[in-house]
Amino acid sequence: MPSTELKSLDIYTRNSLANPFFKAYSHAEWVKIVKAPDFQPFGHTIVNNEGILLKYRKYNNHLGEFLKIWDNLNPDVKRRVIKYTKDFIK
């Protein structure tokens, strides 16, 4: 965990923020984010603004490829991956 503040977010949100398939925000997108009325400029930027950050996030084409592979995995393999991930995150 790079930040103790991130522990306050649920596992789904933390996982979404850590998704390796997201694209960097453009300048125009970042300006929209920081000018949003509910943007919190103080404190931990990611934790305080996770909803806005995820709202403007875009993903590259590799996410779709990954999801196709995941969907076709054997259910036992999926269970082992999920168990390992949950054990690792604790």
N, C-alpha and C. Protein backbone atom coordinates (compact mmCIF):
# COMPACT_ATOMS: atom_id res chain seq x y z
N MET A 1 0.86 -1.17 0.00
CA MET A 1 0.00 0.00 0.00
C MET A 1 0.90 1.24 0.00
N PRO A 2 0.87 2.04 -1.03
CA PRO A 2 1.73 3.20 -1.06
C PRO A 2 1.29 4.31 -0.11
N SER A 3 0.09 4.23 0.38
CA SER A 3 -0.43 5.29 1.23
C SER A 3 -1.42 4.71 2.24
N THR A 4 -1.28 5.09 3.49
CA THR A 4 -2.23 4.60 4.49
C THR A 4 -3.62 5.16 4.24
N GLU A 5 -3.71 6.33 3.63
CA GLU A 5 -5.02 6.91 3.33
C GLU A 5 -5.80 6.04 2.34
N LEU A 6 -5.09 5.36 1.44
CA LEU A 6 -5.77 4.53 0.44
C LEU A 6 -6.53 3.38 1.09
N LYS A 7 -6.14 2.98 2.30
CA LYS A 7 -6.84 1.90 2.98
C LYS A 7 -8.29 2.26 3.28
N SER A 8 -8.61 3.54 3.28
CA SER A 8 -9.98 3.96 3.55
C SER A 8 -10.92 3.69 2.36
N LEU A 9 -10.34 3.42 1.18
CA LEU A 9 -11.16 3.13 0.01
C LEU A 9 -11.47 1.63 -0.05
N ASP A 10 -12.64 1.30 -0.59
CA ASP A 10 -12.99 -0.11 -0.71
C ASP A 10 -12.10 -0.78 -1.76
N ILE A 11 -12.07 -2.09 -1.73
CA ILE A 11 -11.16 -2.85 -2.60
C ILE A 11 -11.48 -2.63 -4.08
N TYR A 12 -12.76 -2.48 -4.43
CA TYR A 12 -13.13 -2.25 -5.83
C TYR A 12 -12.55 -0.91 -6.32
N THR A 13 -12.66 0.12 -5.51
CA THR A 13 -12.14 1.44 -5.90
C THR A 13 -10.62 1.41 -6.00
N ARG A 14 -9.96 0.79 -5.02
CA ARG A 14 -8.49 0.70 -5.08
C ARG A 14 -8.06 -0.08 -6.32
N ASN A 15 -8.77 -1.14 -6.62
CA ASN A 15 -8.45 -1.94 -7.80
C ASN A 15 -8.66 -1.12 -9.07
N SER A 16 -9.72 -0.36 -9.13
CA SER A 16 -9.99 0.49 -10.29
C SER A 16 -8.91 1.54 -10.47
N LEU A 17 -8.48 2.14 -9.37
CA LEU A 17 -7.43 3.16 -9.45
C LEU A 17 -6.09 2.56 -9.89
N ALA A 18 -5.87 1.29 -9.57
CA ALA A 18 -4.60 0.64 -9.91
C ALA A 18 -4.63 -0.07 -11.26
N ASN A 19 -5.73 0.02 -11.98
CA ASN A 19 -5.88 -0.67 -13.26
C ASN A 19 -4.73 -0.28 -14.19
N PRO A 20 -3.94 -1.25 -14.66
CA PRO A 20 -2.78 -0.92 -15.50
C PRO A 20 -3.12 -0.55 -16.93
N PHE A 21 -4.39 -0.60 -17.30
CA PHE A 21 -4.79 -0.33 -18.68
C PHE A 21 -5.33 1.08 -18.90
N PHE A 22 -5.22 1.95 -17.89
CA PHE A 22 -5.77 3.29 -18.09
C PHE A 22 -4.79 4.17 -18.86
N LYS A 23 -5.36 5.19 -19.51
CA LYS A 23 -4.55 6.15 -20.25
C LYS A 23 -4.33 7.38 -19.38
N ALA A 24 -3.24 8.07 -19.63
CA ALA A 24 -2.99 9.32 -18.91
C ALA A 24 -4.07 10.34 -19.28
N TYR A 25 -4.36 11.22 -18.34
CA TYR A 25 -5.33 12.28 -18.62
C TYR A 25 -4.71 13.29 -19.55
N SER A 26 -5.52 13.80 -20.47
CA SER A 26 -5.05 14.90 -21.31
C SER A 26 -5.07 16.17 -20.46
N HIS A 27 -4.45 17.21 -20.96
CA HIS A 27 -4.47 18.49 -20.24
C HIS A 27 -5.91 18.96 -20.05
N ALA A 28 -6.71 18.86 -21.11
CA ALA A 28 -8.11 19.31 -21.03
C ALA A 28 -8.89 18.51 -19.99
N GLU A 29 -8.65 17.20 -19.93
CA GLU A 29 -9.34 16.37 -18.93
C GLU A 29 -8.90 16.75 -17.52
N TRP A 30 -7.61 16.99 -17.34
CA TRP A 30 -7.12 17.35 -16.01
C TRP A 30 -7.71 18.69 -15.56
N VAL A 31 -7.82 19.62 -16.48
CA VAL A 31 -8.43 20.92 -16.14
C VAL A 31 -9.88 20.72 -15.70
N LYS A 32 -10.63 19.85 -16.40
CA LYS A 32 -12.02 19.56 -15.99
C LYS A 32 -12.05 18.96 -14.59
N ILE A 33 -11.09 18.08 -14.31
CA ILE A 33 -11.05 17.43 -12.99
C ILE A 33 -10.83 18.46 -11.90
N VAL A 34 -9.81 19.29 -12.04
CA VAL A 34 -9.49 20.23 -10.96
C VAL A 34 -10.47 21.39 -10.87
N LYS A 35 -11.25 21.62 -11.92
CA LYS A 35 -12.26 22.67 -11.87
C LYS A 35 -13.65 22.14 -11.48
N ALA A 36 -13.76 20.85 -11.28
CA ALA A 36 -15.04 20.27 -10.87
C ALA A 36 -15.41 20.85 -9.50
N PRO A 37 -16.68 21.17 -9.28
CA PRO A 37 -17.09 21.79 -8.02
C PRO A 37 -16.80 20.95 -6.78
N ASP A 38 -16.76 19.64 -6.93
CA ASP A 38 -16.51 18.80 -5.76
C ASP A 38 -15.05 18.34 -5.65
N PHE A 39 -14.16 18.90 -6.47
CA PHE A 39 -12.74 18.56 -6.38
C PHE A 39 -12.17 19.09 -5.06
N GLN A 40 -11.44 18.25 -4.36
CA GLN A 40 -10.82 18.62 -3.08
C GLN A 40 -9.33 18.85 -3.30
N PRO A 41 -8.88 20.11 -3.29
CA PRO A 41 -7.47 20.41 -3.59
C PRO A 41 -6.51 20.13 -2.44
N PHE A 42 -7.02 19.87 -1.26
CA PHE A 42 -6.15 19.68 -0.10
C PHE A 42 -6.19 18.23 0.36
N GLY A 43 -5.15 17.81 1.04
CA GLY A 43 -5.09 16.44 1.55
C GLY A 43 -4.61 15.48 0.48
N HIS A 44 -5.00 14.25 0.61
CA HIS A 44 -4.58 13.20 -0.32
C HIS A 44 -5.42 13.30 -1.58
N THR A 45 -4.82 13.74 -2.68
CA THR A 45 -5.56 14.01 -3.91
C THR A 45 -6.32 12.80 -4.42
N ILE A 46 -5.69 11.63 -4.41
CA ILE A 46 -6.36 10.44 -4.96
C ILE A 46 -7.53 10.02 -4.09
N VAL A 47 -7.31 9.92 -2.79
CA VAL A 47 -8.38 9.48 -1.89
C VAL A 47 -9.53 10.47 -1.88
N ASN A 48 -9.22 11.74 -1.83
CA ASN A 48 -10.27 12.77 -1.74
C ASN A 48 -11.03 12.98 -3.04
N ASN A 49 -10.48 12.50 -4.15
CA ASN A 49 -11.09 12.76 -5.46
C ASN A 49 -11.24 11.51 -6.32
N GLU A 50 -11.29 10.35 -5.69
CA GLU A 50 -11.32 9.10 -6.44
C GLU A 50 -12.51 9.03 -7.41
N GLY A 51 -13.65 9.51 -7.03
CA GLY A 51 -14.82 9.46 -7.91
C GLY A 51 -14.63 10.29 -9.17
N ILE A 52 -14.08 11.47 -9.02
CA ILE A 52 -13.83 12.35 -10.18
C ILE A 52 -12.76 11.73 -11.07
N LEU A 53 -11.69 11.23 -10.44
CA LEU A 53 -10.60 10.63 -11.22
C LEU A 53 -11.08 9.45 -12.05
N LEU A 54 -11.92 8.61 -11.46
CA LEU A 54 -12.43 7.46 -12.19
C LEU A 54 -13.46 7.87 -13.25
N LYS A 55 -14.19 8.93 -12.99
CA LYS A 55 -15.19 9.40 -13.95
C LYS A 55 -14.55 9.80 -15.27
N TYR A 56 -13.39 10.42 -15.22
CA TYR A 56 -12.72 10.91 -16.42
C TYR A 56 -11.71 9.92 -17.00
N ARG A 57 -11.56 8.78 -16.38
CA ARG A 57 -10.55 7.81 -16.81
C ARG A 57 -10.96 7.11 -18.10
N LYS A 58 -9.99 6.93 -18.97
CA LYS A 58 -10.18 6.17 -20.22
C LYS A 58 -9.16 5.04 -20.23
N TYR A 59 -9.49 3.98 -20.93
CA TYR A 59 -8.66 2.79 -20.95
C TYR A 59 -8.19 2.46 -22.36
N ASN A 60 -7.01 1.84 -22.45
CA ASN A 60 -6.50 1.46 -23.77
C ASN A 60 -7.13 0.13 -24.22
N ASN A 61 -6.83 -0.27 -25.45
CA ASN A 61 -7.44 -1.47 -26.03
C ASN A 61 -7.02 -2.76 -25.34
N HIS A 62 -5.93 -2.74 -24.62
CA HIS A 62 -5.46 -3.96 -23.97
C HIS A 62 -6.41 -4.42 -22.86
N LEU A 63 -7.20 -3.52 -22.31
CA LEU A 63 -8.17 -3.92 -21.28
C LEU A 63 -9.16 -4.92 -21.86
N GLY A 64 -9.69 -4.64 -23.04
CA GLY A 64 -10.63 -5.57 -23.67
C GLY A 64 -10.01 -6.93 -23.93
N GLU A 65 -8.75 -6.93 -24.37
CA GLU A 65 -8.04 -8.18 -24.62
C GLU A 65 -7.89 -8.97 -23.31
N PHE A 66 -7.51 -8.27 -22.25
CA PHE A 66 -7.36 -8.92 -20.94
C PHE A 66 -8.68 -9.51 -20.47
N LEU A 67 -9.77 -8.74 -20.61
CA LEU A 67 -11.08 -9.23 -20.16
C LEU A 67 -11.53 -10.47 -20.94
N LYS A 68 -11.22 -10.53 -22.22
CA LYS A 68 -11.56 -11.72 -23.01
C LYS A 68 -10.80 -12.94 -22.48
N ILE A 69 -9.51 -12.75 -22.19
CA ILE A 69 -8.71 -13.85 -21.64
C ILE A 69 -9.27 -14.27 -20.28
N TRP A 70 -9.58 -13.29 -19.44
CA TRP A 70 -10.13 -13.58 -18.10
C TRP A 70 -11.43 -14.36 -18.20
N ASP A 71 -12.31 -13.91 -19.10
CA ASP A 71 -13.61 -14.56 -19.25
C ASP A 71 -13.47 -16.02 -19.70
N ASN A 72 -12.41 -16.34 -20.41
CA ASN A 72 -12.22 -17.70 -20.93
C ASN A 72 -11.37 -18.59 -20.01
N LEU A 73 -10.93 -18.05 -18.88
CA LEU A 73 -10.14 -18.85 -17.95
C LEU A 73 -11.00 -19.92 -17.27
N ASN A 74 -10.37 -21.01 -16.93
CA ASN A 74 -10.99 -22.07 -16.17
C ASN A 74 -11.45 -21.49 -14.82
N PRO A 75 -12.66 -21.80 -14.35
CA PRO A 75 -13.15 -21.26 -13.08
C PRO A 75 -12.23 -21.54 -11.89
N ASP A 76 -11.57 -22.69 -11.88
CA ASP A 76 -10.64 -22.99 -10.78
C ASP A 76 -9.45 -22.04 -10.78
N VAL A 77 -8.96 -21.73 -11.96
CA VAL A 77 -7.84 -20.78 -12.08
C VAL A 77 -8.29 -19.40 -11.60
N LYS A 78 -9.49 -18.98 -12.00
CA LYS A 78 -10.02 -17.69 -11.55
C LYS A 78 -10.10 -17.63 -10.03
N ARG A 79 -10.61 -18.69 -9.42
CA ARG A 79 -10.73 -18.72 -7.95
C ARG A 79 -9.36 -18.59 -7.28
N ARG A 80 -8.35 -19.28 -7.83
CA ARG A 80 -7.00 -19.18 -7.25
C ARG A 80 -6.45 -17.76 -7.38
N VAL A 81 -6.67 -17.14 -8.53
CA VAL A 81 -6.19 -15.77 -8.73
C VAL A 81 -6.89 -14.82 -7.76
N ILE A 82 -8.18 -14.95 -7.62
CA ILE A 82 -8.94 -14.09 -6.71
C ILE A 82 -8.49 -14.31 -5.27
N LYS A 83 -8.30 -15.56 -4.87
CA LYS A 83 -7.84 -15.84 -3.51
C LYS A 83 -6.46 -15.25 -3.28
N TYR A 84 -5.55 -15.43 -4.21
CA TYR A 84 -4.20 -14.88 -4.08
C TYR A 84 -4.26 -13.36 -3.95
N THR A 85 -5.08 -12.74 -4.79
CA THR A 85 -5.18 -11.28 -4.77
C THR A 85 -5.71 -10.79 -3.43
N LYS A 86 -6.75 -11.44 -2.91
CA LYS A 86 -7.31 -11.04 -1.62
C LYS A 86 -6.29 -11.22 -0.50
N ASP A 87 -5.54 -12.33 -0.53
CA ASP A 87 -4.51 -12.57 0.48
C ASP A 87 -3.40 -11.54 0.39
N PHE A 88 -3.05 -11.17 -0.82
CA PHE A 88 -1.97 -10.20 -1.05
C PHE A 88 -2.34 -8.80 -0.57
N ILE A 89 -3.60 -8.44 -0.75
CA ILE A 89 -4.05 -7.08 -0.43
C ILE A 89 -4.20 -6.86 1.07
N LYS A 90 -4.44 -7.89 1.83
CA LYS A 90 -4.68 -7.76 3.27
C LYS A 90 -3.58 -7.01 3.97
